[in-house]
Each structure stands twice: as structure tokens, then as C-alpha cells.
Amino acid sequence: MSKSTPRLGKGLSAIIGARQPAPSPPLQPAATAAVDGRLLDLSLDLIVPNAHQPRTEFNDEALRGLAESIRQTGLLQPVLVRAREDGRYELVAGERRWRAARLAGLATIPAIERRVDDAEALECALIENLQREDLGPLERAAAYERYLADFGSSVERLAERLGESRSNVANYLRFLKLPDEVKQLIRRGELGMGQARAVAALTDPQQQLAIARLAARRNLSVRQVETLARESRRVPPSGPVSSSDAPTGRDRHFSDVQDQLSKLLGTTVLLRPGRKKNSGRIIIRYSSLEQFDRIAERLGGKSAFE
């Protein structure tokens, strides 16, 4: 029987160990071989951030709150470090606590030293951050991509290591291929996880942009965005567009007109360019005969653009 792949989702306890040795006195820079599992009292100046840290943004207000808590009660949970050849220690897990301890004015913090390689260091950082709900979708996706690239892993193996489904990991990785404007909507919280997943399922960047803008401006539900995405897949793609391309004036005009028509008719309206020059489609969605009648009445009235 083949040996099963260990999962990361069990937490840091498997790496830290169930038993912790008694604290040792404050240490000078590491000059001897690392002792796996010992508890140290390290100077903050001897600790450097983890080069594999998935988190790229730290909330200043949350850090100040944690710093105040540390001032009152001390740092209750040690950080995890590994020794470096230059005599300093690299964080494996606990960068928020390290940053907050600096804000709190501490000179030293408790740290558990472990002998881990680069892959294990990244995995530890992933564990800690994945257990925090406030890790952004794009940060999570970037961490997945970095793990795959740095350590030659497959999506299937990464999913198994994390104790997640392959489809969930694949969904996060799709976010990295979204147009830059859509990524900004995700970073600002204007496009939620569910909405972003529905947008990422599309293959045409123009369709992704149009639906993401509409979802953010009208605060559409996940189900509404999924419906729009299904409808858009029936429309031929508008052609390849680089994800780094900035929106053109024509794009913004189409988006504005879509919003105006949607407000005018009280339903979702999509504009889709056609294959021929100056051609396209106007898609008007309705979910009941009563809504259809209201739309028909509004179309028969005075135009809002006159």
C-alpha cells in the first residue's frame, strides 16, 4: 500500500510538535547548528521576514490592535523560525505577530526554531495564512501559483496537500488570468469571491470586463452574475484581448450605456459587439411575463436618451 500524502490543513502543530521545550535565555546570532524544536527568546532585530510569505498586505488597523493586545498580555504564541547562514533567523510563520511586536516596542519575542527547507517554509506560511479568513483571493491564488512554480508540483498534488478539492485550487488560479481591472475590483472588495469565480469561468476578456463592471456597479448577487455568465457564453467571443490592456474610451462608453439601459428598463442589459464592424447585439434579460410586460411598456415610452 502506498504511503498517503500528508496534508497541510491539519495546522502548524504537526510541524511545531506537541511538546515544547522550556525557554532558553536570549541568544546571540546563530553560530552553531540548528537544534530542531527548541524554544528561543530572540531579538526582533535578528529576525527577517519569510521570503515565501503569501500575504502581501497587512491591515494597519488590525496590526495596531494586535500590538495593543501584546502590550497588555504579551505574545502568547511563539513565532516559527529557521536559522540562516548569516547568523539571523528567517520567519517561517508568524509575521503578523512579529510586526505587531515591533509596534508594541518589544525587544525580544519567543520563537520555536525548526529545521525546514524552502518547500516546508512555504507550506508553513500557507498553512498559517490559509487558516485566516482575511487572506485575499488574489493573494491566495498567487501563493498557489508560486508553490506550483517553485516546487514543480501539480494542481492535484497541491490540492491534496492542502486538503482541498482540485476544482477549488483551480478556481483560485483562474483569478490570476483575469484582466487587471477585474483584479482591482477583487482587491477593493467590489467583486466578491462567488462573483469573481463566475467571471473567471468565462474565456473572453471583454465579456469578463463587462460582467465584472456591471456586477460591481449594481451589486449583483452571485446567482445573477452566474446567469449573466451563462448568457454570455452563448455569444461568440469578441476576439483576444490582453489582460494588461487598459479599458478604451469605447469600452467605457459601452459600459456606461449598459448601465443606463439597465436602469431604464429595470433589468440587466448587455451590449455585445458583433463580428462585423459597427454591429452587435443588445441582450435584455427578463425572468417573468410580468417583467417582460414592464420592459415592453418602457421600450414603448419616451426614450431616456432624447
C-alpha atoms as a PDB file:
ATOM      1  CA  MET A   1       0.000   0.000   0.000  1.00  0.00           C
ATOM      2  CA  SER A   2       1.418   3.356  -0.982  1.00  0.00           C
ATOM      3  CA  LYS A   3       2.119   5.907   1.675  1.00  0.00           C
ATOM      4  CA  SER A   4      -0.529   8.645   1.780  1.00  0.00           C
ATOM      5  CA  THR A   5       0.479  12.245   1.145  1.00  0.00           C
ATOM      6  CA  PRO A   6       0.434  14.295   4.376  1.00  0.00           C
ATOM      7  CA  ARG A   7      -1.955  17.229   4.394  1.00  0.00           C
ATOM      8  CA  LEU A   8      -1.172  20.777   5.402  1.00  0.00           C
ATOM      9  CA  GLY A   9      -4.675  21.521   6.593  1.00  0.00           C
ATOM     10  CA  LYS A  10      -4.010  19.860   9.957  1.00  0.00           C
ATOM     11  CA  GLY A  11      -2.323  23.064  11.098  1.00  0.00           C
ATOM     12  CA  LEU A  12       1.091  24.015  12.406  1.00  0.00           C
ATOM     13  CA  SER A  13       1.022  21.559  15.301  1.00  0.00           C
ATOM     14  CA  ALA A  14       2.469  18.798  13.126  1.00  0.00           C
ATOM     15  CA  ILE A  15       5.477  20.990  12.393  1.00  0.00           C
ATOM     16  CA  ILE A  16       5.846  22.714  15.756  1.00  0.00           C
ATOM     17  CA  GLY A  17       5.362  19.462  17.678  1.00  0.00           C
ATOM     18  CA  ALA A  18       3.082  18.576  20.527  1.00  0.00           C
ATOM     19  CA  ARG A  19       5.722  19.141  23.216  1.00  0.00           C
ATOM     20  CA  GLN A  20       7.653  22.383  23.580  1.00  0.00           C
ATOM     21  CA  PRO A  21      10.949  22.543  25.498  1.00  0.00           C
ATOM     22  CA  ALA A  22      11.479  25.108  28.216  1.00  0.00           C
ATOM     23  CA  PRO A  23      12.609  28.578  27.072  1.00  0.00           C
ATOM     24  CA  SER A  24      16.327  29.185  26.807  1.00  0.00           C
ATOM     25  CA  PRO A  25      17.976  32.528  27.626  1.00  0.00           C
ATOM     26  CA  PRO A  26      18.132  35.252  24.926  1.00  0.00           C
ATOM     27  CA  LEU A  27      20.534  34.117  22.226  1.00  0.00           C
ATOM     28  CA  GLN A  28      23.257  35.765  20.240  1.00  0.00           C
ATOM     29  CA  PRO A  29      23.178  35.310  16.443  1.00  0.00           C
ATOM     30  CA  ALA A  30      23.070  31.654  15.441  1.00  0.00           C
ATOM     31  CA  ALA A  31      26.615  30.357  15.215  1.00  0.00           C
ATOM     32  CA  THR A  32      26.025  26.661  15.766  1.00  0.00           C
ATOM     33  CA  ALA A  33      23.943  24.032  14.027  1.00  0.00           C
ATOM     34  CA  ALA A  34      20.207  24.481  14.431  1.00  0.00           C
ATOM     35  CA  VAL A  35      18.572  22.482  17.215  1.00  0.00           C
ATOM     36  CA  ASP A  36      15.229  21.328  15.882  1.00  0.00           C
ATOM     37  CA  GLY A  37      12.272  22.274  18.068  1.00  0.00           C
ATOM     38  CA  ARG A  38      13.963  24.393  20.738  1.00  0.00           C
ATOM     39  CA  LEU A  39      12.197  27.437  22.144  1.00  0.00           C
ATOM     40  CA  LEU A  40      14.226  30.643  21.936  1.00  0.00           C
ATOM     41  CA  ASP A  41      13.846  34.209  23.136  1.00  0.00           C
ATOM     42  CA  LEU A  42      15.054  36.102  20.063  1.00  0.00           C
ATOM     43  CA  SER A  43      15.875  39.735  19.491  1.00  0.00           C
ATOM     44  CA  LEU A  44      13.475  41.208  16.942  1.00  0.00           C
ATOM     45  CA  ASP A  45      16.474  42.585  15.076  1.00  0.00           C
ATOM     46  CA  LEU A  46      17.734  39.050  14.425  1.00  0.00           C
ATOM     47  CA  ILE A  47      14.515  38.027  12.667  1.00  0.00           C
ATOM     48  CA  VAL A  48      13.861  38.668   8.975  1.00  0.00           C
ATOM     49  CA  PRO A  49      10.579  38.141   7.067  1.00  0.00           C
ATOM     50  CA  ASN A  50       9.821  34.939   5.206  1.00  0.00           C
ATOM     51  CA  ALA A  51      10.772  35.245   1.544  1.00  0.00           C
ATOM     52  CA  HIS A  52       7.915  32.841   0.741  1.00  0.00           C
ATOM     53  CA  GLN A  53       5.237  34.804   2.648  1.00  0.00           C
ATOM     54  CA  PRO A  54       1.975  34.579   0.630  1.00  0.00           C
ATOM     55  CA  ARG A  55       0.490  37.657   2.291  1.00  0.00           C
ATOM     56  CA  THR A  56       1.477  40.896   0.574  1.00  0.00           C
ATOM     57  CA  GLU A  57      -0.736  43.330   2.503  1.00  0.00           C
ATOM     58  CA  PHE A  58      -1.111  43.750   6.254  1.00  0.00           C
ATOM     59  CA  ASN A  59      -4.017  45.770   7.652  1.00  0.00           C
ATOM     60  CA  ASP A  60      -2.526  48.638   9.667  1.00  0.00           C
ATOM     61  CA  GLU A  61      -5.531  48.965  11.974  1.00  0.00           C
ATOM     62  CA  ALA A  62      -5.559  45.236  12.735  1.00  0.00           C
ATOM     63  CA  LEU A  63      -1.810  45.319  13.423  1.00  0.00           C
ATOM     64  CA  ARG A  64      -2.244  48.217  15.853  1.00  0.00           C
ATOM     65  CA  GLY A  65      -4.977  46.279  17.629  1.00  0.00           C
ATOM     66  CA  LEU A  66      -2.762  43.207  17.901  1.00  0.00           C
ATOM     67  CA  ALA A  67       0.136  45.367  19.121  1.00  0.00           C
ATOM     68  CA  GLU A  68      -2.027  46.793  21.907  1.00  0.00           C
ATOM     69  CA  SER A  69      -3.074  43.274  22.906  1.00  0.00           C
ATOM     70  CA  ILE A  70       0.588  42.231  23.036  1.00  0.00           C
ATOM     71  CA  ARG A  71       1.396  45.229  25.257  1.00  0.00           C
ATOM     72  CA  GLN A  72      -1.314  44.143  27.682  1.00  0.00           C
ATOM     73  CA  THR A  73      -0.829  40.368  27.761  1.00  0.00           C
ATOM     74  CA  GLY A  74       2.434  39.658  25.951  1.00  0.00           C
ATOM     75  CA  LEU A  75       2.937  37.410  22.942  1.00  0.00           C
ATOM     76  CA  LEU A  76       1.164  34.183  23.873  1.00  0.00           C
ATOM     77  CA  GLN A  77       2.026  32.147  20.769  1.00  0.00           C
ATOM     78  CA  PRO A  78       5.664  31.831  19.638  1.00  0.00           C
ATOM     79  CA  VAL A  79       6.622  32.523  16.047  1.00  0.00           C
ATOM     80  CA  LEU A  80       8.251  29.783  13.980  1.00  0.00           C
ATOM     81  CA  VAL A  81      11.758  30.449  12.611  1.00  0.00           C
ATOM     82  CA  ARG A  82      14.642  28.721  10.881  1.00  0.00           C
ATOM     83  CA  ALA A  83      18.341  29.580  11.204  1.00  0.00           C
ATOM     84  CA  ARG A  84      20.162  31.291   8.337  1.00  0.00           C
ATOM     85  CA  GLU A  85      23.814  31.055   7.396  1.00  0.00           C
ATOM     86  CA  ASP A  86      24.372  34.747   8.200  1.00  0.00           C
ATOM     87  CA  GLY A  87      23.501  34.195  11.860  1.00  0.00           C
ATOM     88  CA  ARG A  88      19.989  35.574  11.685  1.00  0.00           C
ATOM     89  CA  TYR A  89      16.649  33.775  11.684  1.00  0.00           C
ATOM     90  CA  GLU A  90      14.008  33.727   8.971  1.00  0.00           C
ATOM     91  CA  LEU A  91      10.336  33.681   9.884  1.00  0.00           C
ATOM     92  CA  VAL A  92       8.526  30.548   8.813  1.00  0.00           C
ATOM     93  CA  ALA A  93       5.185  31.512  10.357  1.00  0.00           C
ATOM     94  CA  GLY A  94       4.008  34.421  12.487  1.00  0.00           C
ATOM     95  CA  GLU A  95       4.862  37.554  10.514  1.00  0.00           C
ATOM     96  CA  ARG A  96       1.789  39.428  11.819  1.00  0.00           C
ATOM     97  CA  ARG A  97       2.861  38.718  15.404  1.00  0.00           C
ATOM     98  CA  TRP A  98       6.435  39.789  14.614  1.00  0.00           C
ATOM     99  CA  ARG A  99       5.264  43.057  13.043  1.00  0.00           C
ATOM    100  CA  ALA A 100       2.859  43.736  15.905  1.00  0.00           C
ATOM    101  CA  ALA A 101       5.574  43.005  18.472  1.00  0.00           C
ATOM    102  CA  ARG A 102       7.760  45.658  16.841  1.00  0.00           C
ATOM    103  CA  LEU A 103       4.874  48.131  17.021  1.00  0.00           C
ATOM    104  CA  ALA A 104       4.379  47.217  20.677  1.00  0.00           C
ATOM    105  CA  GLY A 105       8.016  48.084  21.386  1.00  0.00           C
ATOM    106  CA  LEU A 106       9.169  44.605  22.412  1.00  0.00           C
ATOM    107  CA  ALA A 107      12.888  43.854  22.248  1.00  0.00           C
ATOM    108  CA  THR A 108      12.564  40.062  22.085  1.00  0.00           C
ATOM    109  CA  ILE A 109       9.866  37.508  21.285  1.00  0.00           C
ATOM    110  CA  PRO A 110       9.514  33.761  21.880  1.00  0.00           C
ATOM    111  CA  ALA A 111      10.324  31.677  18.807  1.00  0.00           C
ATOM    112  CA  ILE A 112      10.454  27.982  18.009  1.00  0.00           C
ATOM    113  CA  GLU A 113      13.387  27.012  15.808  1.00  0.00           C
ATOM    114  CA  ARG A 114      12.779  24.310  13.222  1.00  0.00           C
ATOM    115  CA  ARG A 115      14.971  22.777  10.534  1.00  0.00           C
ATOM    116  CA  VAL A 116      12.835  23.140   7.419  1.00  0.00           C
ATOM    117  CA  ASP A 117      13.694  23.505   3.740  1.00  0.00           C
ATOM    118  CA  ASP A 118      12.234  26.059   1.321  1.00  0.00           C
ATOM    119  CA  ALA A 119       9.259  23.862   0.431  1.00  0.00           C
ATOM    120  CA  GLU A 120       8.365  23.299   4.079  1.00  0.00           C
ATOM    121  CA  ALA A 121       8.821  27.021   4.814  1.00  0.00           C
ATOM    122  CA  LEU A 122       6.356  27.937   2.085  1.00  0.00           C
ATOM    123  CA  GLU A 123       3.960  25.242   3.241  1.00  0.00           C
ATOM    124  CA  CYS A 124       4.078  26.547   6.812  1.00  0.00           C
ATOM    125  CA  ALA A 125       3.349  30.077   5.607  1.00  0.00           C
ATOM    126  CA  LEU A 126       0.486  28.728   3.504  1.00  0.00           C
ATOM    127  CA  ILE A 127      -0.975  26.860   6.456  1.00  0.00           C
ATOM    128  CA  GLU A 128      -0.934  29.889   8.718  1.00  0.00           C
ATOM    129  CA  ASN A 129      -2.428  32.208   6.133  1.00  0.00           C
ATOM    130  CA  LEU A 130      -4.992  29.771   4.753  1.00  0.00           C
ATOM    131  CA  GLN A 131      -6.319  29.358   8.275  1.00  0.00           C
ATOM    132  CA  ARG A 132      -7.008  33.107   8.298  1.00  0.00           C
ATOM    133  CA  GLU A 133     -10.223  34.089   6.566  1.00  0.00           C
ATOM    134  CA  ASP A 134      -8.945  37.553   5.618  1.00  0.00           C
ATOM    135  CA  LEU A 135      -6.353  36.303   3.127  1.00  0.00           C
ATOM    136  CA  GLY A 136      -7.424  37.868  -0.178  1.00  0.00           C
ATOM    137  CA  PRO A 137      -8.404  35.675  -3.146  1.00  0.00           C
ATOM    138  CA  LEU A 138      -5.578  37.041  -5.290  1.00  0.00           C
ATOM    139  CA  GLU A 139      -3.012  36.588  -2.507  1.00  0.00           C
ATOM    140  CA  ARG A 140      -4.173  33.014  -2.093  1.00  0.00           C
ATOM    141  CA  ALA A 141      -4.032  32.439  -5.846  1.00  0.00           C
ATOM    142  CA  ALA A 142      -0.526  33.923  -6.065  1.00  0.00           C
ATOM    143  CA  ALA A 143       0.638  31.661  -3.233  1.00  0.00           C
ATOM    144  CA  TYR A 144      -0.725  28.624  -5.060  1.00  0.00           C
ATOM    145  CA  GLU A 145       0.978  29.675  -8.295  1.00  0.00           C
ATOM    146  CA  ARG A 146       4.286  30.291  -6.554  1.00  0.00           C
ATOM    147  CA  TYR A 147       4.179  26.874  -4.919  1.00  0.00           C
ATOM    148  CA  LEU A 148       3.478  25.193  -8.268  1.00  0.00           C
ATOM    149  CA  ALA A 149       6.282  27.117  -9.983  1.00  0.00           C
ATOM    150  CA  ASP A 150       8.929  26.883  -7.265  1.00  0.00           C
ATOM    151  CA  PHE A 151       8.472  23.262  -6.334  1.00  0.00           C
ATOM    152  CA  GLY A 152       7.256  21.668  -9.560  1.00  0.00           C
ATOM    153  CA  SER A 153       4.029  20.434  -8.022  1.00  0.00           C
ATOM    154  CA  SER A 154       0.815  19.631  -9.880  1.00  0.00           C
ATOM    155  CA  VAL A 155      -2.564  21.154  -9.055  1.00  0.00           C
ATOM    156  CA  GLU A 156      -3.759  17.718  -7.928  1.00  0.00           C
ATOM    157  CA  ARG A 157      -0.864  17.268  -5.507  1.00  0.00           C
ATOM    158  CA  LEU A 158      -1.182  20.798  -4.134  1.00  0.00           C
ATOM    159  CA  ALA A 159      -4.904  20.273  -3.545  1.00  0.00           C
ATOM    160  CA  GLU A 160      -4.176  17.012  -1.739  1.00  0.00           C
ATOM    161  CA  ARG A 161      -1.506  18.659   0.417  1.00  0.00           C
ATOM    162  CA  LEU A 162      -3.932  21.417   1.390  1.00  0.00           C
ATOM    163  CA  GLY A 163      -6.840  19.065   1.991  1.00  0.00           C
ATOM    164  CA  GLU A 164      -8.897  20.902  -0.631  1.00  0.00           C
ATOM    165  CA  SER A 165     -10.591  19.887  -3.861  1.00  0.00           C
ATOM    166  CA  ARG A 166      -8.745  20.219  -7.140  1.00  0.00           C
ATOM    167  CA  SER A 167     -11.539  22.403  -8.543  1.00  0.00           C
ATOM    168  CA  ASN A 168     -11.232  24.866  -5.661  1.00  0.00           C
ATOM    169  CA  VAL A 169      -7.494  25.316  -6.229  1.00  0.00           C
ATOM    170  CA  ALA A 170      -8.056  25.603  -9.999  1.00  0.00           C
ATOM    171  CA  ASN A 171     -10.726  28.281  -9.452  1.00  0.00           C
ATOM    172  CA  TYR A 172      -8.275  30.419  -7.488  1.00  0.00           C
ATOM    173  CA  LEU A 173      -5.596  30.037 -10.165  1.00  0.00           C
ATOM    174  CA  ARG A 174      -8.049  31.324 -12.815  1.00  0.00           C
ATOM    175  CA  PHE A 175      -8.198  34.646 -10.971  1.00  0.00           C
ATOM    176  CA  LEU A 176      -4.603  35.356 -11.994  1.00  0.00           C
ATOM    177  CA  LYS A 177      -5.617  35.331 -15.672  1.00  0.00           C
ATOM    178  CA  LEU A 178      -8.354  37.933 -15.248  1.00  0.00           C
ATOM    179  CA  PRO A 179      -7.938  41.429 -16.770  1.00  0.00           C
ATOM    180  CA  ASP A 180      -6.147  43.871 -14.485  1.00  0.00           C
ATOM    181  CA  GLU A 181      -9.272  45.972 -13.998  1.00  0.00           C
ATOM    182  CA  VAL A 182     -11.192  42.944 -12.754  1.00  0.00           C
ATOM    183  CA  LYS A 183      -8.357  42.116 -10.352  1.00  0.00           C
ATOM    184  CA  GLN A 184      -8.575  45.634  -8.941  1.00  0.00           C
ATOM    185  CA  LEU A 185     -12.309  45.159  -8.322  1.00  0.00           C
ATOM    186  CA  ILE A 186     -11.481  41.991  -6.389  1.00  0.00           C
ATOM    187  CA  ARG A 187      -8.727  43.700  -4.359  1.00  0.00           C
ATOM    188  CA  ARG A 188     -11.049  46.567  -3.428  1.00  0.00           C
ATOM    189  CA  GLY A 189     -13.759  44.141  -2.352  1.00  0.00           C
ATOM    190  CA  GLU A 190     -16.172  45.353  -5.039  1.00  0.00           C
ATOM    191  CA  LEU A 191     -16.277  41.869  -6.554  1.00  0.00           C
ATOM    192  CA  GLY A 192     -16.748  39.011  -4.104  1.00  0.00           C
ATOM    193  CA  MET A 193     -15.355  35.506  -4.278  1.00  0.00           C
ATOM    194  CA  GLY A 194     -18.501  33.989  -5.785  1.00  0.00           C
ATOM    195  CA  GLN A 195     -18.918  36.727  -8.381  1.00  0.00           C
ATOM    196  CA  ALA A 196     -15.231  36.536  -9.321  1.00  0.00           C
ATOM    197  CA  ARG A 197     -15.444  32.768  -9.743  1.00  0.00           C
ATOM    198  CA  ALA A 198     -18.364  33.162 -12.175  1.00  0.00           C
ATOM    199  CA  VAL A 199     -16.498  35.843 -14.143  1.00  0.00           C
ATOM    200  CA  ALA A 200     -13.306  33.755 -14.253  1.00  0.00           C
ATOM    201  CA  ALA A 201     -15.237  30.860 -15.797  1.00  0.00           C
ATOM    202  CA  LEU A 202     -15.577  32.946 -18.980  1.00  0.00           C
ATOM    203  CA  THR A 203     -12.797  32.809 -21.562  1.00  0.00           C
ATOM    204  CA  ASP A 204     -13.342  36.143 -23.347  1.00  0.00           C
ATOM    205  CA  PRO A 205     -11.643  39.075 -21.530  1.00  0.00           C
ATOM    206  CA  GLN A 206     -14.172  41.561 -22.947  1.00  0.00           C
ATOM    207  CA  GLN A 207     -17.035  39.544 -21.505  1.00  0.00           C
ATOM    208  CA  GLN A 208     -15.187  39.256 -18.200  1.00  0.00           C
ATOM    209  CA  LEU A 209     -14.717  43.032 -18.063  1.00  0.00           C
ATOM    210  CA  ALA A 210     -18.309  43.835 -18.965  1.00  0.00           C
ATOM    211  CA  ILE A 211     -19.867  41.488 -16.431  1.00  0.00           C
ATOM    212  CA  ALA A 212     -17.410  42.380 -13.660  1.00  0.00           C
ATOM    213  CA  ARG A 213     -18.094  46.105 -14.099  1.00  0.00           C
ATOM    214  CA  LEU A 214     -21.838  45.522 -14.133  1.00  0.00           C
ATOM    215  CA  ALA A 215     -21.692  43.260 -11.078  1.00  0.00           C
ATOM    216  CA  ALA A 216     -19.650  45.803  -9.113  1.00  0.00           C
ATOM    217  CA  ARG A 217     -21.738  48.830 -10.077  1.00  0.00           C
ATOM    218  CA  ARG A 218     -25.103  47.171  -9.485  1.00  0.00           C
ATOM    219  CA  ASN A 219     -24.012  44.987  -6.565  1.00  0.00           C
ATOM    220  CA  LEU A 220     -25.315  41.868  -8.309  1.00  0.00           C
ATOM    221  CA  SER A 221     -25.692  38.617  -6.390  1.00  0.00           C
ATOM    222  CA  VAL A 222     -23.633  35.533  -7.176  1.00  0.00           C
ATOM    223  CA  ARG A 223     -26.645  33.913  -8.839  1.00  0.00           C
ATOM    224  CA  GLN A 224     -27.222  36.970 -11.046  1.00  0.00           C
ATOM    225  CA  VAL A 225     -23.583  37.008 -12.135  1.00  0.00           C
ATOM    226  CA  GLU A 226     -23.685  33.271 -12.860  1.00  0.00           C
ATOM    227  CA  THR A 227     -26.782  33.812 -15.017  1.00  0.00           C
ATOM    228  CA  LEU A 228     -25.087  36.619 -16.933  1.00  0.00           C
ATOM    229  CA  ALA A 229     -22.038  34.434 -17.466  1.00  0.00           C
ATOM    230  CA  ARG A 230     -24.163  31.600 -18.858  1.00  0.00           C
ATOM    231  CA  GLU A 231     -25.904  34.000 -21.241  1.00  0.00           C
ATOM    232  CA  SER A 232     -22.584  35.488 -22.334  1.00  0.00           C
ATOM    233  CA  ARG A 233     -21.189  32.071 -23.212  1.00  0.00           C
ATOM    234  CA  ARG A 234     -23.874  31.774 -25.885  1.00  0.00           C
ATOM    235  CA  VAL A 235     -22.489  34.892 -27.592  1.00  0.00           C
ATOM    236  CA  PRO A 236     -19.401  34.475 -29.856  1.00  0.00           C
ATOM    237  CA  PRO A 237     -16.217  35.876 -28.256  1.00  0.00           C
ATOM    238  CA  SER A 238     -15.250  39.381 -29.340  1.00  0.00           C
ATOM    239  CA  GLY A 239     -11.628  38.409 -30.011  1.00  0.00           C
ATOM    240  CA  PRO A 240      -8.437  38.138 -27.986  1.00  0.00           C
ATOM    241  CA  VAL A 241      -7.672  40.998 -25.630  1.00  0.00           C
ATOM    242  CA  SER A 242      -4.578  41.263 -23.459  1.00  0.00           C
ATOM    243  CA  SER A 243      -5.373  41.149 -19.754  1.00  0.00           C
ATOM    244  CA  SER A 244      -2.999  44.075 -19.260  1.00  0.00           C
ATOM    245  CA  ASP A 245      -4.814  46.321 -21.721  1.00  0.00           C
ATOM    246  CA  ALA A 246      -6.412  49.363 -20.121  1.00  0.00           C
ATOM    247  CA  PRO A 247     -10.117  49.950 -20.914  1.00  0.00           C
ATOM    248  CA  THR A 248     -10.561  52.105 -24.012  1.00  0.00           C
ATOM    249  CA  GLY A 249     -12.965  55.006 -24.384  1.00  0.00           C
ATOM    250  CA  ARG A 250     -15.222  52.730 -26.429  1.00  0.00           C
ATOM    251  CA  ASP A 251     -15.197  50.133 -23.634  1.00  0.00           C
ATOM    252  CA  ARG A 252     -16.160  52.741 -21.052  1.00  0.00           C
ATOM    253  CA  HIS A 253     -18.883  54.107 -23.334  1.00  0.00           C
ATOM    254  CA  PHE A 254     -20.366  50.625 -23.810  1.00  0.00           C
ATOM    255  CA  SER A 255     -20.239  50.030 -20.063  1.00  0.00           C
ATOM    256  CA  ASP A 256     -21.968  53.366 -19.342  1.00  0.00           C
ATOM    257  CA  VAL A 257     -24.676  52.677 -21.917  1.00  0.00           C
ATOM    258  CA  GLN A 258     -25.221  49.205 -20.438  1.00  0.00           C
ATOM    259  CA  ASP A 259     -25.746  50.772 -17.016  1.00  0.00           C
ATOM    260  CA  GLN A 260     -28.120  53.409 -18.380  1.00  0.00           C
ATOM    261  CA  LEU A 261     -30.195  50.841 -20.248  1.00  0.00           C
ATOM    262  CA  SER A 262     -30.259  48.548 -17.223  1.00  0.00           C
ATOM    263  CA  LYS A 263     -31.559  51.354 -15.013  1.00  0.00           C
ATOM    264  CA  LEU A 264     -34.046  52.480 -17.666  1.00  0.00           C
ATOM    265  CA  LEU A 265     -35.526  49.013 -18.168  1.00  0.00           C
ATOM    266  CA  GLY A 266     -35.188  47.778 -14.607  1.00  0.00           C
ATOM    267  CA  THR A 267     -33.290  44.655 -15.625  1.00  0.00           C
ATOM    268  CA  THR A 268     -29.862  43.523 -16.758  1.00  0.00           C
ATOM    269  CA  VAL A 269     -28.863  44.685 -20.242  1.00  0.00           C
ATOM    270  CA  LEU A 270     -25.696  43.560 -22.018  1.00  0.00           C
ATOM    271  CA  LEU A 271     -24.149  45.007 -25.178  1.00  0.00           C
ATOM    272  CA  ARG A 272     -22.187  42.560 -27.278  1.00  0.00           C
ATOM    273  CA  PRO A 273     -20.073  43.664 -30.286  1.00  0.00           C
ATOM    274  CA  GLY A 274     -20.541  41.581 -33.431  1.00  0.00           C
ATOM    275  CA  ARG A 275     -18.019  40.164 -35.831  1.00  0.00           C
ATOM    276  CA  LYS A 276     -18.761  42.813 -38.443  1.00  0.00           C
ATOM    277  CA  LYS A 277     -17.823  46.449 -37.954  1.00  0.00           C
ATOM    278  CA  ASN A 278     -20.448  48.554 -36.146  1.00  0.00           C
ATOM    279  CA  SER A 279     -22.634  45.504 -35.488  1.00  0.00           C
ATOM    280  CA  GLY A 280     -23.590  43.788 -32.272  1.00  0.00           C
ATOM    281  CA  ARG A 281     -26.362  42.559 -30.010  1.00  0.00           C
ATOM    282  CA  ILE A 282     -28.392  44.010 -27.171  1.00  0.00           C
ATOM    283  CA  ILE A 283     -29.296  41.313 -24.640  1.00  0.00           C
ATOM    284  CA  ILE A 284     -32.224  42.147 -22.341  1.00  0.00           C
ATOM    285  CA  ARG A 285     -32.891  39.677 -19.549  1.00  0.00           C
ATOM    286  CA  TYR A 286     -36.320  39.029 -18.031  1.00  0.00           C
ATOM    287  CA  SER A 287     -37.442  36.347 -15.582  1.00  0.00           C
ATOM    288  CA  SER A 288     -41.237  36.523 -15.795  1.00  0.00           C
ATOM    289  CA  LEU A 289     -44.028  37.619 -18.124  1.00  0.00           C
ATOM    290  CA  GLU A 290     -44.827  40.488 -15.764  1.00  0.00           C
ATOM    291  CA  GLN A 291     -41.269  41.753 -16.045  1.00  0.00           C
ATOM    292  CA  PHE A 292     -41.415  41.288 -19.815  1.00  0.00           C
ATOM    293  CA  ASP A 293     -44.563  43.438 -19.950  1.00  0.00           C
ATOM    294  CA  ARG A 294     -42.918  46.185 -17.879  1.00  0.00           C
ATOM    295  CA  ILE A 295     -39.885  46.163 -20.173  1.00  0.00           C
ATOM    296  CA  ALA A 296     -42.125  46.311 -23.251  1.00  0.00           C
ATOM    297  CA  GLU A 297     -44.027  49.280 -21.796  1.00  0.00           C
ATOM    298  CA  ARG A 298     -40.817  51.148 -21.058  1.00  0.00           C
ATOM    299  CA  LEU A 299     -39.473  50.491 -24.533  1.00  0.00           C
ATOM    300  CA  GLY A 300     -42.666  51.911 -25.973  1.00  0.00           C
ATOM    301  CA  GLY A 301     -42.368  55.110 -23.969  1.00  0.00           C
ATOM    302  CA  LYS A 302     -40.245  58.175 -24.406  1.00  0.00           C
ATOM    303  CA  SER A 303     -36.534  57.448 -24.752  1.00  0.00           C
ATOM    304  CA  ALA A 304     -34.413  58.409 -21.767  1.00  0.00           C
ATOM    305  CA  PHE A 305     -31.648  59.477 -24.136  1.00  0.00           C
ATOM    306  CA  GLU A 306     -33.618  62.147 -26.018  1.00  0.00           C
END
